[in-house]
Amino acid sequence: MSATPPEPSQYYQHHIFFCLNKRENGEACCADHDAQAAFDRCKQQVKAQGLTGPGKVRVNKAGCLDRCQGGPIAVVYPEGVWYTYVDANDIDEIVESHLKHGKVVERLLTPPHLGR
């Protein structure tokens, strides 16, 4: 079972952004939670599952997404679903469930009240 095909105006069905921001002033930041490794894992998994390219999935780096208290953070568009992840298993679950099958991973949702 795969997710619904993208609307004609959408270039990608899903676009996932990983905050990789590093703060030098000691404030909380996603880079302190090995966000780069999560980004790399997601890219590798998306590619391995044949989910890359137009009409499929794009994995991108982002600067601060201003949800630092929930970090590390990733957000999937066009749905606007915010995830807080811990390890490679969480990334694999996001790829398999959300990016491949269109099903939100409820247990990894970032609480809506968490900002910077």
PDB file of N, CA and C in Angstrom:
ATOM      1  N   MET A   1       0.853  -1.184   0.000  1.00  0.00           N
ATOM      2  CA  MET A   1       0.000   0.000   0.000  1.00  0.00           C
ATOM      3  C   MET A   1       0.888   1.233   0.000  1.00  0.00           C
ATOM      4  N   SER A   2       0.651   2.146  -0.906  1.00  0.00           N
ATOM      5  CA  SER A   2       1.447   3.370  -0.943  1.00  0.00           C
ATOM      6  C   SER A   2       0.542   4.574  -0.745  1.00  0.00           C
ATOM      7  N   ALA A   3       1.176   5.682  -0.428  1.00  0.00           N
ATOM      8  CA  ALA A   3       0.437   6.913  -0.164  1.00  0.00           C
ATOM      9  C   ALA A   3      -0.192   7.429  -1.457  1.00  0.00           C
ATOM     10  N   THR A   4      -1.143   8.311  -1.322  1.00  0.00           N
ATOM     11  CA  THR A   4      -1.826   8.919  -2.449  1.00  0.00           C
ATOM     12  C   THR A   4      -0.834   9.689  -3.310  1.00  0.00           C
ATOM     13  N   PRO A   5      -0.945   9.582  -4.636  1.00  0.00           N
ATOM     14  CA  PRO A   5      -0.025  10.332  -5.503  1.00  0.00           C
ATOM     15  C   PRO A   5      -0.156  11.831  -5.260  1.00  0.00           C
ATOM     16  N   PRO A   6       0.920  12.577  -5.505  1.00  0.00           N
ATOM     17  CA  PRO A   6       0.883  14.019  -5.261  1.00  0.00           C
ATOM     18  C   PRO A   6      -0.045  14.740  -6.224  1.00  0.00           C
ATOM     19  N   GLU A   7      -0.535  15.888  -5.776  1.00  0.00           N
ATOM     20  CA  GLU A   7      -1.303  16.765  -6.646  1.00  0.00           C
ATOM     21  C   GLU A   7      -0.372  17.236  -7.761  1.00  0.00           C
ATOM     22  N   PRO A   8      -0.920  17.560  -8.927  1.00  0.00           N
ATOM     23  CA  PRO A   8      -0.075  17.993 -10.041  1.00  0.00           C
ATOM     24  C   PRO A   8       0.819  19.186  -9.707  1.00  0.00           C
ATOM     25  N   SER A   9       0.384  20.056  -8.784  1.00  0.00           N
ATOM     26  CA  SER A   9       1.179  21.234  -8.447  1.00  0.00           C
ATOM     27  C   SER A   9       2.329  20.915  -7.489  1.00  0.00           C
ATOM     28  N   GLN A  10       2.317  19.727  -6.916  1.00  0.00           N
ATOM     29  CA  GLN A  10       3.388  19.337  -5.988  1.00  0.00           C
ATOM     30  C   GLN A  10       4.492  18.614  -6.742  1.00  0.00           C
ATOM     31  N   TYR A  11       5.730  19.034  -6.534  1.00  0.00           N
ATOM     32  CA  TYR A  11       6.855  18.359  -7.167  1.00  0.00           C
ATOM     33  C   TYR A  11       7.215  17.094  -6.404  1.00  0.00           C
ATOM     34  N   TYR A  12       7.105  17.168  -5.046  1.00  0.00           N
ATOM     35  CA  TYR A  12       7.355  16.005  -4.195  1.00  0.00           C
ATOM     36  C   TYR A  12       6.088  15.656  -3.435  1.00  0.00           C
ATOM     37  N   GLN A  13       5.879  14.381  -3.204  1.00  0.00           N
ATOM     38  CA  GLN A  13       4.752  13.940  -2.396  1.00  0.00           C
ATOM     39  C   GLN A  13       4.986  14.305  -0.938  1.00  0.00           C
ATOM     40  N   HIS A  14       6.219  14.066  -0.472  1.00  0.00           N
ATOM     41  CA  HIS A  14       6.613  14.429   0.896  1.00  0.00           C
ATOM     42  C   HIS A  14       7.965  15.128   0.836  1.00  0.00           C
ATOM     43  N   HIS A  15       8.108  16.124   1.672  1.00  0.00           N
ATOM     44  CA  HIS A  15       9.360  16.871   1.796  1.00  0.00           C
ATOM     45  C   HIS A  15       9.682  16.892   3.287  1.00  0.00           C
ATOM     46  N   ILE A  16      10.772  16.251   3.703  1.00  0.00           N
ATOM     47  CA  ILE A  16      11.135  16.215   5.123  1.00  0.00           C
ATOM     48  C   ILE A  16      12.370  17.076   5.346  1.00  0.00           C
ATOM     49  N   PHE A  17      12.253  17.959   6.332  1.00  0.00           N
ATOM     50  CA  PHE A  17      13.345  18.865   6.696  1.00  0.00           C
ATOM     51  C   PHE A  17      13.854  18.488   8.084  1.00  0.00           C
ATOM     52  N   PHE A  18      15.171  18.374   8.214  1.00  0.00           N
ATOM     53  CA  PHE A  18      15.817  18.105   9.494  1.00  0.00           C
ATOM     54  C   PHE A  18      16.539  19.363   9.953  1.00  0.00           C
ATOM     55  N   CYS A  19      16.212  19.821  11.159  1.00  0.00           N
ATOM     56  CA  CYS A  19      16.966  20.935  11.729  1.00  0.00           C
ATOM     57  C   CYS A  19      18.358  20.428  12.071  1.00  0.00           C
ATOM     58  N   LEU A  20      19.379  21.094  11.538  1.00  0.00           N
ATOM     59  CA  LEU A  20      20.779  20.756  11.828  1.00  0.00           C
ATOM     60  C   LEU A  20      21.479  21.926  12.499  1.00  0.00           C
ATOM     61  N   ASN A  21      20.699  22.854  13.027  1.00  0.00           N
ATOM     62  CA  ASN A  21      21.255  24.069  13.609  1.00  0.00           C
ATOM     63  C   ASN A  21      22.170  23.782  14.797  1.00  0.00           C
ATOM     64  N   LYS A  22      23.281  24.504  14.838  1.00  0.00           N
ATOM     65  CA  LYS A  22      24.242  24.426  15.940  1.00  0.00           C
ATOM     66  C   LYS A  22      24.333  25.797  16.579  1.00  0.00           C
ATOM     67  N   ARG A  23      23.998  25.867  17.854  1.00  0.00           N
ATOM     68  CA  ARG A  23      24.100  27.138  18.591  1.00  0.00           C
ATOM     69  C   ARG A  23      25.434  27.170  19.336  1.00  0.00           C
ATOM     70  N   GLU A  24      26.130  28.262  19.190  1.00  0.00           N
ATOM     71  CA  GLU A  24      27.446  28.407  19.826  1.00  0.00           C
ATOM     72  C   GLU A  24      27.347  29.005  21.222  1.00  0.00           C
ATOM     73  N   ASN A  25      26.150  29.469  21.629  1.00  0.00           N
ATOM     74  CA  ASN A  25      26.003  30.157  22.911  1.00  0.00           C
ATOM     75  C   ASN A  25      25.572  29.232  24.054  1.00  0.00           C
ATOM     76  N   GLY A  26      25.535  27.922  23.786  1.00  0.00           N
ATOM     77  CA  GLY A  26      25.170  26.978  24.835  1.00  0.00           C
ATOM     78  C   GLY A  26      23.691  26.660  24.922  1.00  0.00           C
ATOM     79  N   GLU A  27      22.862  27.370  24.147  1.00  0.00           N
ATOM     80  CA  GLU A  27      21.424  27.062  24.137  1.00  0.00           C
ATOM     81  C   GLU A  27      21.187  25.705  23.484  1.00  0.00           C
ATOM     82  N   ALA A  28      20.052  25.100  23.825  1.00  0.00           N
ATOM     83  CA  ALA A  28      19.684  23.818  23.237  1.00  0.00           C
ATOM     84  C   ALA A  28      19.618  23.933  21.714  1.00  0.00           C
ATOM     85  N   CYS A  29      20.078  22.894  21.042  1.00  0.00           N
ATOM     86  CA  CYS A  29      20.014  22.876  19.585  1.00  0.00           C
ATOM     87  C   CYS A  29      20.007  21.433  19.083  1.00  0.00           C
ATOM     88  N   CYS A  30      19.461  21.254  17.911  1.00  0.00           N
ATOM     89  CA  CYS A  30      19.325  19.911  17.341  1.00  0.00           C
ATOM     90  C   CYS A  30      20.682  19.273  17.032  1.00  0.00           C
ATOM     91  N   ALA A  31      21.668  20.074  16.669  1.00  0.00           N
ATOM     92  CA  ALA A  31      22.990  19.522  16.363  1.00  0.00           C
ATOM     93  C   ALA A  31      23.582  18.787  17.565  1.00  0.00           C
ATOM     94  N   ASP A  32      23.222  19.196  18.771  1.00  0.00           N
ATOM     95  CA  ASP A  32      23.714  18.532  19.977  1.00  0.00           C
ATOM     96  C   ASP A  32      23.097  17.152  20.182  1.00  0.00           C
ATOM     97  N   HIS A  33      22.078  16.827  19.372  1.00  0.00           N
ATOM     98  CA  HIS A  33      21.398  15.527  19.466  1.00  0.00           C
ATOM     99  C   HIS A  33      21.700  14.664  18.246  1.00  0.00           C
ATOM    100  N   ASP A  34      22.831  14.910  17.608  1.00  0.00           N
ATOM    101  CA  ASP A  34      23.290  14.141  16.447  1.00  0.00           C
ATOM    102  C   ASP A  34      22.285  14.164  15.299  1.00  0.00           C
ATOM    103  N   ALA A  35      21.732  15.342  15.036  1.00  0.00           N
ATOM    104  CA  ALA A  35      20.758  15.507  13.961  1.00  0.00           C
ATOM    105  C   ALA A  35      21.353  15.177  12.597  1.00  0.00           C
ATOM    106  N   GLN A  36      22.644  15.419  12.413  1.00  0.00           N
ATOM    107  CA  GLN A  36      23.270  15.109  11.122  1.00  0.00           C
ATOM    108  C   GLN A  36      23.202  13.612  10.837  1.00  0.00           C
ATOM    109  N   ALA A  37      23.431  12.777  11.847  1.00  0.00           N
ATOM    110  CA  ALA A  37      23.360  11.322  11.655  1.00  0.00           C
ATOM    111  C   ALA A  37      21.938  10.896  11.290  1.00  0.00           C
ATOM    112  N   ALA A  38      20.934  11.529  11.893  1.00  0.00           N
ATOM    113  CA  ALA A  38      19.538  11.213  11.585  1.00  0.00           C
ATOM    114  C   ALA A  38      19.208  11.610  10.147  1.00  0.00           C
ATOM    115  N   PHE A  39      19.665  12.781   9.739  1.00  0.00           N
ATOM    116  CA  PHE A  39      19.477  13.240   8.363  1.00  0.00           C
ATOM    117  C   PHE A  39      20.113  12.247   7.394  1.00  0.00           C
ATOM    118  N   ASP A  40      21.366  11.863   7.671  1.00  0.00           N
ATOM    119  CA  ASP A  40      22.078  10.915   6.811  1.00  0.00           C
ATOM    120  C   ASP A  40      21.339   9.580   6.734  1.00  0.00           C
ATOM    121  N   ARG A  41      20.844   9.107   7.875  1.00  0.00           N
ATOM    122  CA  ARG A  41      20.104   7.840   7.929  1.00  0.00           C
ATOM    123  C   ARG A  41      18.831   7.932   7.089  1.00  0.00           C
ATOM    124  N   CYS A  42      18.098   9.030   7.223  1.00  0.00           N
ATOM    125  CA  CYS A  42      16.862   9.208   6.477  1.00  0.00           C
ATOM    126  C   CYS A  42      17.143   9.208   4.972  1.00  0.00           C
ATOM    127  N   LYS A  43      18.149   9.954   4.551  1.00  0.00           N
ATOM    128  CA  LYS A  43      18.504  10.008   3.131  1.00  0.00           C
ATOM    129  C   LYS A  43      18.846   8.622   2.609  1.00  0.00           C
ATOM    130  N   GLN A  44      19.614   7.891   3.402  1.00  0.00           N
ATOM    131  CA  GLN A  44      20.038   6.546   2.997  1.00  0.00           C
ATOM    132  C   GLN A  44      18.841   5.608   2.887  1.00  0.00           C
ATOM    133  N   GLN A  45      17.922   5.667   3.847  1.00  0.00           N
ATOM    134  CA  GLN A  45      16.750   4.798   3.850  1.00  0.00           C
ATOM    135  C   GLN A  45      15.792   5.144   2.709  1.00  0.00           C
ATOM    136  N   VAL A  46      15.587   6.415   2.477  1.00  0.00           N
ATOM    137  CA  VAL A  46      14.705   6.849   1.388  1.00  0.00           C
ATOM    138  C   VAL A  46      15.264   6.363   0.052  1.00  0.00           C
ATOM    139  N   LYS A  47      16.560   6.510  -0.130  1.00  0.00           N
ATOM    140  CA  LYS A  47      17.202   6.063  -1.372  1.00  0.00           C
ATOM    141  C   LYS A  47      17.117   4.539  -1.507  1.00  0.00           C
ATOM    142  N   ALA A  48      17.412   3.822  -0.430  1.00  0.00           N
ATOM    143  CA  ALA A  48      17.401   2.351  -0.452  1.00  0.00           C
ATOM    144  C   ALA A  48      16.019   1.798  -0.783  1.00  0.00           C
ATOM    145  N   GLN A  49      14.979   2.519  -0.398  1.00  0.00           N
ATOM    146  CA  GLN A  49      13.610   2.056  -0.646  1.00  0.00           C
ATOM    147  C   GLN A  49      13.022   2.592  -1.956  1.00  0.00           C
ATOM    148  N   GLY A  50      13.852   3.280  -2.727  1.00  0.00           N
ATOM    149  CA  GLY A  50      13.403   3.774  -4.024  1.00  0.00           C
ATOM    150  C   GLY A  50      12.372   4.889  -3.932  1.00  0.00           C
ATOM    151  N   LEU A  51      12.454   5.682  -2.877  1.00  0.00           N
ATOM    152  CA  LEU A  51      11.467   6.738  -2.654  1.00  0.00           C
ATOM    153  C   LEU A  51      11.938   8.117  -3.115  1.00  0.00           C
ATOM    154  N   THR A  52      13.072   8.213  -3.775  1.00  0.00           N
ATOM    155  CA  THR A  52      13.603   9.516  -4.176  1.00  0.00           C
ATOM    156  C   THR A  52      13.080   9.942  -5.536  1.00  0.00           C
ATOM    157  N   GLY A  53      13.100  11.243  -5.754  1.00  0.00           N
ATOM    158  CA  GLY A  53      12.772  11.785  -7.062  1.00  0.00           C
ATOM    159  C   GLY A  53      11.423  12.476  -7.129  1.00  0.00           C
ATOM    160  N   PRO A  54      11.156  13.098  -8.262  1.00  0.00           N
ATOM    161  CA  PRO A  54       9.894  13.813  -8.463  1.00  0.00           C
ATOM    162  C   PRO A  54       8.691  12.911  -8.186  1.00  0.00           C
ATOM    163  N   GLY A  55       7.704  13.477  -7.482  1.00  0.00           N
ATOM    164  CA  GLY A  55       6.507  12.727  -7.142  1.00  0.00           C
ATOM    165  C   GLY A  55       6.695  11.800  -5.960  1.00  0.00           C
ATOM    166  N   LYS A  56       7.886  11.828  -5.373  1.00  0.00           N
ATOM    167  CA  LYS A  56       8.168  10.930  -4.253  1.00  0.00           C
ATOM    168  C   LYS A  56       8.597  11.745  -3.036  1.00  0.00           C
ATOM    169  N   VAL A  57       9.834  11.525  -2.551  1.00  0.00           N
ATOM    170  CA  VAL A  57      10.292  12.129  -1.291  1.00  0.00           C
ATOM    171  C   VAL A  57      11.584  12.912  -1.516  1.00  0.00           C
ATOM    172  N   ARG A  58      11.674  14.029  -0.841  1.00  0.00           N
ATOM    173  CA  ARG A  58      12.914  14.826  -0.802  1.00  0.00           C
ATOM    174  C   ARG A  58      13.307  15.008   0.651  1.00  0.00           C
ATOM    175  N   VAL A  59      14.581  14.717   0.977  1.00  0.00           N
ATOM    176  CA  VAL A  59      15.123  14.879   2.334  1.00  0.00           C
ATOM    177  C   VAL A  59      16.044  16.090   2.303  1.00  0.00           C
ATOM    178  N   ASN A  60      15.778  17.079   3.179  1.00  0.00           N
ATOM    179  CA  ASN A  60      16.550  18.315   3.178  1.00  0.00           C
ATOM    180  C   ASN A  60      17.073  18.693   4.550  1.00  0.00           C
ATOM    181  N   LYS A  61      18.204  19.397   4.525  1.00  0.00           N
ATOM    182  CA  LYS A  61      18.759  20.023   5.725  1.00  0.00           C
ATOM    183  C   LYS A  61      18.038  21.345   5.934  1.00  0.00           C
ATOM    184  N   ALA A  62      17.906  21.729   7.187  1.00  0.00           N
ATOM    185  CA  ALA A  62      17.316  23.035   7.502  1.00  0.00           C
ATOM    186  C   ALA A  62      18.118  23.679   8.614  1.00  0.00           C
ATOM    187  N   GLY A  63      18.055  24.991   8.666  1.00  0.00           N
ATOM    188  CA  GLY A  63      18.573  25.718   9.812  1.00  0.00           C
ATOM    189  C   GLY A  63      17.550  25.608  10.930  1.00  0.00           C
ATOM    190  N   CYS A  64      17.607  26.505  11.869  1.00  0.00           N
ATOM    191  CA  CYS A  64      16.713  26.451  13.019  1.00  0.00           C
ATOM    192  C   CYS A  64      15.252  26.493  12.578  1.00  0.00           C
ATOM    193  N   LEU A  65      14.486  25.544  13.093  1.00  0.00           N
ATOM    194  CA  LEU A  65      13.050  25.490  12.826  1.00  0.00           C
ATOM    195  C   LEU A  65      12.255  26.055  14.001  1.00  0.00           C
ATOM    196  N   ASP A  66      12.967  26.568  14.995  1.00  0.00           N
ATOM    197  CA  ASP A  66      12.387  27.275  16.140  1.00  0.00           C
ATOM    198  C   ASP A  66      11.488  26.394  17.015  1.00  0.00           C
ATOM    199  N   ARG A  67      11.839  25.114  17.115  1.00  0.00           N
ATOM    200  CA  ARG A  67      11.119  24.181  17.997  1.00  0.00           C
ATOM    201  C   ARG A  67      12.141  23.475  18.892  1.00  0.00           C
ATOM    202  N   CYS A  68      13.151  24.212  19.332  1.00  0.00           N
ATOM    203  CA  CYS A  68      14.318  23.683  20.039  1.00  0.00           C
ATOM    204  C   CYS A  68      13.978  22.829  21.266  1.00  0.00           C
ATOM    205  N   GLN A  69      12.946  23.195  21.999  1.00  0.00           N
ATOM    206  CA  GLN A  69      12.590  22.441  23.207  1.00  0.00           C
ATOM    207  C   GLN A  69      12.191  21.009  22.893  1.00  0.00           C
ATOM    208  N   GLY A  70      11.771  20.748  21.670  1.00  0.00           N
ATOM    209  CA  GLY A  70      11.368  19.405  21.285  1.00  0.00           C
ATOM    210  C   GLY A  70      12.445  18.639  20.558  1.00  0.00           C
ATOM    211  N   GLY A  71      13.620  19.239  20.425  1.00  0.00           N
ATOM    212  CA  GLY A  71      14.681  18.688  19.599  1.00  0.00           C
ATOM    213  C   GLY A  71      15.202  17.331  20.017  1.00  0.00           C
ATOM    214  N   PRO A  72      15.719  16.635  19.030  1.00  0.00           N
ATOM    215  CA  PRO A  72      15.887  17.021  17.634  1.00  0.00           C
ATOM    216  C   PRO A  72      14.570  16.954  16.871  1.00  0.00           C
ATOM    217  N   ILE A  73      14.478  17.820  15.874  1.00  0.00           N
ATOM    218  CA  ILE A  73      13.225  18.055  15.160  1.00  0.00           C
ATOM    219  C   ILE A  73      13.363  17.764  13.665  1.00  0.00           C
ATOM    220  N   ALA A  74      12.296  17.181  13.115  1.00  0.00           N
ATOM    221  CA  ALA A  74      12.130  17.062  11.662  1.00  0.00           C
ATOM    222  C   ALA A  74      10.669  17.382  11.375  1.00  0.00           C
ATOM    223  N   VAL A  75      10.408  17.937  10.204  1.00  0.00           N
ATOM    224  CA  VAL A  75       9.027  18.262   9.824  1.00  0.00           C
ATOM    225  C   VAL A  75       8.774  17.765   8.406  1.00  0.00           C
ATOM    226  N   VAL A  76       7.605  17.169   8.209  1.00  0.00           N
ATOM    227  CA  VAL A  76       7.208  16.632   6.911  1.00  0.00           C
ATOM    228  C   VAL A  76       6.122  17.513   6.322  1.00  0.00           C
ATOM    229  N   TYR A  77       6.374  17.971   5.093  1.00  0.00           N
ATOM    230  CA  TYR A  77       5.386  18.738   4.337  1.00  0.00           C
ATOM    231  C   TYR A  77       4.985  17.937   3.119  1.00  0.00           C
ATOM    232  N   PRO A  78       3.757  18.104   2.610  1.00  0.00           N
ATOM    233  CA  PRO A  78       2.897  19.250   2.828  1.00  0.00           C
ATOM    234  C   PRO A  78       2.015  19.153   4.069  1.00  0.00           C
ATOM    235  N   GLU A  79       2.069  18.033   4.788  1.00  0.00           N
ATOM    236  CA  GLU A  79       1.178  17.839   5.922  1.00  0.00           C
ATOM    237  C   GLU A  79       1.483  18.750   7.109  1.00  0.00           C
ATOM    238  N   GLY A  80       2.741  19.163   7.255  1.00  0.00           N
ATOM    239  CA  GLY A  80       3.131  19.977   8.402  1.00  0.00           C
ATOM    240  C   GLY A  80       3.183  19.162   9.677  1.00  0.00           C
ATOM    241  N   VAL A  81       3.666  17.928   9.577  1.00  0.00           N
ATOM    242  CA  VAL A  81       3.759  17.022  10.726  1.00  0.00           C
ATOM    243  C   VAL A  81       5.159  17.146  11.326  1.00  0.00           C
ATOM    244  N   TRP A  82       5.205  17.495  12.624  1.00  0.00           N
ATOM    245  CA  TRP A  82       6.467  17.710  13.341  1.00  0.00           C
ATOM    246  C   TRP A  82       6.815  16.473  14.157  1.00  0.00           C
ATOM    247  N   TYR A  83       8.052  16.018  13.987  1.00  0.00           N
ATOM    248  CA  TYR A  83       8.530  14.843  14.714  1.00  0.00           C
ATOM    249  C   TYR A  83       9.718  15.176  15.611  1.00  0.00           C
ATOM    250  N   THR A  84       9.720  14.513  16.766  1.00  0.00           N
ATOM    251  CA  THR A  84      10.884  14.471  17.640  1.00  0.00           C
ATOM    252  C   THR A  84      11.348  13.021  17.614  1.00  0.00           C
ATOM    253  N   TYR A  85      12.606  12.802  17.302  1.00  0.00           N
ATOM    254  CA  TYR A  85      13.131  11.448  17.178  1.00  0.00           C
ATOM    255  C   TYR A  85      14.293  11.256  18.135  1.00  0.00           C
ATOM    256  N   VAL A  86      14.642   9.992  18.380  1.00  0.00           N
ATOM    257  CA  VAL A  86      15.730   9.697  19.314  1.00  0.00           C
ATOM    258  C   VAL A  86      16.876   8.969  18.632  1.00  0.00           C
ATOM    259  N   ASP A  87      16.547   8.008  17.766  1.00  0.00           N
ATOM    260  CA  ASP A  87      17.604   7.161  17.206  1.00  0.00           C
ATOM    261  C   ASP A  87      17.254   6.714  15.787  1.00  0.00           C
ATOM    262  N   ALA A  88      18.117   5.858  15.233  1.00  0.00           N
ATOM    263  CA  ALA A  88      17.935   5.370  13.867  1.00  0.00           C
ATOM    264  C   ALA A  88      16.629   4.601  13.711  1.00  0.00           C
ATOM    265  N   ASN A  89      16.199   3.903  14.746  1.00  0.00           N
ATOM    266  CA  ASN A  89      14.938   3.167  14.666  1.00  0.00           C
ATOM    267  C   ASN A  89      13.759   4.115  14.457  1.00  0.00           C
ATOM    268  N   ASP A  90      13.796   5.271  15.117  1.00  0.00           N
ATOM    269  CA  ASP A  90      12.738   6.266  14.929  1.00  0.00           C
ATOM    270  C   ASP A  90      12.734   6.782  13.487  1.00  0.00           C
ATOM    271  N   ILE A  91      13.909   7.037  12.953  1.00  0.00           N
ATOM    272  CA  ILE A  91      14.018   7.518  11.571  1.00  0.00           C
ATOM    273  C   ILE A  91      13.471   6.465  10.615  1.00  0.00           C
ATOM    274  N   ASP A  92      13.855   5.209  10.839  1.00  0.00           N
ATOM    275  CA  ASP A  92      13.366   4.125   9.983  1.00  0.00           C
ATOM    276  C   ASP A  92      11.844   4.036  10.025  1.00  0.00           C
ATOM    277  N   GLU A  93      11.262   4.250  11.205  1.00  0.00           N
ATOM    278  CA  GLU A  93       9.809   4.185  11.348  1.00  0.00           C
ATOM    279  C   GLU A  93       9.128   5.348  10.616  1.00  0.00           C
ATOM    280  N   ILE A  94       9.711   6.533  10.682  1.00  0.00           N
ATOM    281  CA  ILE A  94       9.167   7.683   9.955  1.00  0.00           C
ATOM    282  C   ILE A  94       9.211   7.414   8.449  1.00  0.00           C
ATOM    283  N   VAL A  95      10.323   6.884   7.978  1.00  0.00           N
ATOM    284  CA  VAL A  95      10.450   6.584   6.541  1.00  0.00           C
ATOM    285  C   VAL A  95       9.411   5.551   6.127  1.00  0.00           C
ATOM    286  N   GLU A  96       9.354   4.440   6.840  1.00  0.00           N
ATOM    287  CA  GLU A  96       8.458   3.341   6.470  1.00  0.00           C
ATOM    288  C   GLU A  96       6.988   3.731   6.598  1.00  0.00           C
ATOM    289  N   SER A  97       6.632   4.310   7.718  1.00  0.00           N
ATOM    290  CA  SER A  97       5.230   4.601   7.986  1.00  0.00           C
ATOM    291  C   SER A  97       4.743   5.851   7.252  1.00  0.00           C
ATOM    292  N   HIS A  98       5.421   6.973   7.467  1.00  0.00           N
ATOM    293  CA  HIS A  98       4.915   8.242   6.927  1.00  0.00           C
ATOM    294  C   HIS A  98       5.332   8.474   5.476  1.00  0.00           C
ATOM    295  N   LEU A  99       6.625   8.392   5.212  1.00  0.00           N
ATOM    296  CA  LEU A  99       7.100   8.742   3.884  1.00  0.00           C
ATOM    297  C   LEU A  99       6.732   7.702   2.829  1.00  0.00           C
ATOM    298  N   LYS A 100       6.683   6.443   3.226  1.00  0.00           N
ATOM    299  CA  LYS A 100       6.360   5.376   2.274  1.00  0.00           C
ATOM    300  C   LYS A 100       4.861   5.100   2.195  1.00  0.00           C
ATOM    301  N   HIS A 101       4.175   5.069   3.354  1.00  0.00           N
ATOM    302  CA  HIS A 101       2.771   4.660   3.383  1.00  0.00           C
ATOM    303  C   HIS A 101       1.794   5.771   3.765  1.00  0.00           C
ATOM    304  N   GLY A 102       2.301   6.980   4.086  1.00  0.00           N
ATOM    305  CA  GLY A 102       1.425   8.102   4.386  1.00  0.00           C
ATOM    306  C   GLY A 102       0.749   8.047   5.750  1.00  0.00           C
ATOM    307  N   LYS A 103       1.254   7.202   6.655  1.00  0.00           N
ATOM    308  CA  LYS A 103       0.657   7.063   7.987  1.00  0.00           C
ATOM    309  C   LYS A 103       1.555   7.758   9.019  1.00  0.00           C
ATOM    310  N   VAL A 104       0.999   8.754   9.706  1.00  0.00           N
ATOM    311  CA  VAL A 104       1.733   9.527  10.714  1.00  0.00           C
ATOM    312  C   VAL A 104       2.155   8.608  11.866  1.00  0.00           C
ATOM    313  N   VAL A 105       3.380   8.803  12.351  1.00  0.00           N
ATOM    314  CA  VAL A 105       3.894   8.043  13.499  1.00  0.00           C
ATOM    315  C   VAL A 105       3.527   8.835  14.755  1.00  0.00           C
ATOM    316  N   GLU A 106       2.381   8.516  15.318  1.00  0.00           N
ATOM    317  CA  GLU A 106       1.815   9.271  16.444  1.00  0.00           C
ATOM    318  C   GLU A 106       2.765   9.378  17.630  1.00  0.00           C
ATOM    319  N   ARG A 107       3.460   8.301  17.966  1.00  0.00           N
ATOM    320  CA  ARG A 107       4.310   8.299  19.157  1.00  0.00           C
ATOM    321  C   ARG A 107       5.503   9.251  19.051  1.00  0.00           C
ATOM    322  N   LEU A 108       5.834   9.684  17.839  1.00  0.00           N
ATOM    323  CA  LEU A 108       6.981  10.577  17.651  1.00  0.00           C
ATOM    324  C   LEU A 108       6.575  12.030  17.409  1.00  0.00           C
ATOM    325  N   LEU A 109       5.290  12.344  17.486  1.00  0.00           N
ATOM    326  CA  LEU A 109       4.851  13.719  17.234  1.00  0.00           C
ATOM    327  C   LEU A 109       5.406  14.663  18.313  1.00  0.00           C
ATOM    328  N   THR A 110       5.870  15.797  17.868  1.00  0.00           N
ATOM    329  CA  THR A 110       6.351  16.824  18.786  1.00  0.00           C
ATOM    330  C   THR A 110       5.143  17.479  19.445  1.00  0.00           C
ATOM    331  N   PRO A 111       5.144  17.556  20.785  1.00  0.00           N
ATOM    332  CA  PRO A 111       4.024  18.217  21.457  1.00  0.00           C
ATOM    333  C   PRO A 111       3.822  19.630  20.893  1.00  0.00           C
ATOM    334  N   PRO A 112       2.584  20.008  20.595  1.00  0.00           N
ATOM    335  CA  PRO A 112       2.316  21.267  19.913  1.00  0.00           C
ATOM    336  C   PRO A 112       2.750  22.522  20.677  1.00  0.00           C
ATOM    337  N   HIS A 113       2.881  22.441  21.988  1.00  0.00           N
ATOM    338  CA  HIS A 113       3.224  23.627  22.776  1.00  0.00           C
ATOM    339  C   HIS A 113       4.737  23.891  22.816  1.00  0.00           C
ATOM    340  N   LEU A 114       5.551  22.958  22.354  1.00  0.00           N
ATOM    341  CA  LEU A 114       7.001  23.143  22.439  1.00  0.00           C
ATOM    342  C   LEU A 114       7.503  24.041  21.321  1.00  0.00           C
ATOM    343  N   GLY A 115       8.159  25.104  21.708  1.00  0.00           N
ATOM    344  CA  GLY A 115       8.752  26.033  20.755  1.00  0.00           C
ATOM    345  C   GLY A 115      10.235  26.135  21.028  1.00  0.00           C
ATOM    346  N   ARG A 116      10.699  27.330  21.046  1.00  0.00           N
ATOM    347  CA  ARG A 116      12.123  27.554  21.275  1.00  0.00           C
ATOM    348  C   ARG A 116      12.356  27.658  22.751  1.00  0.00           C
TER     349      ARG A 116
END
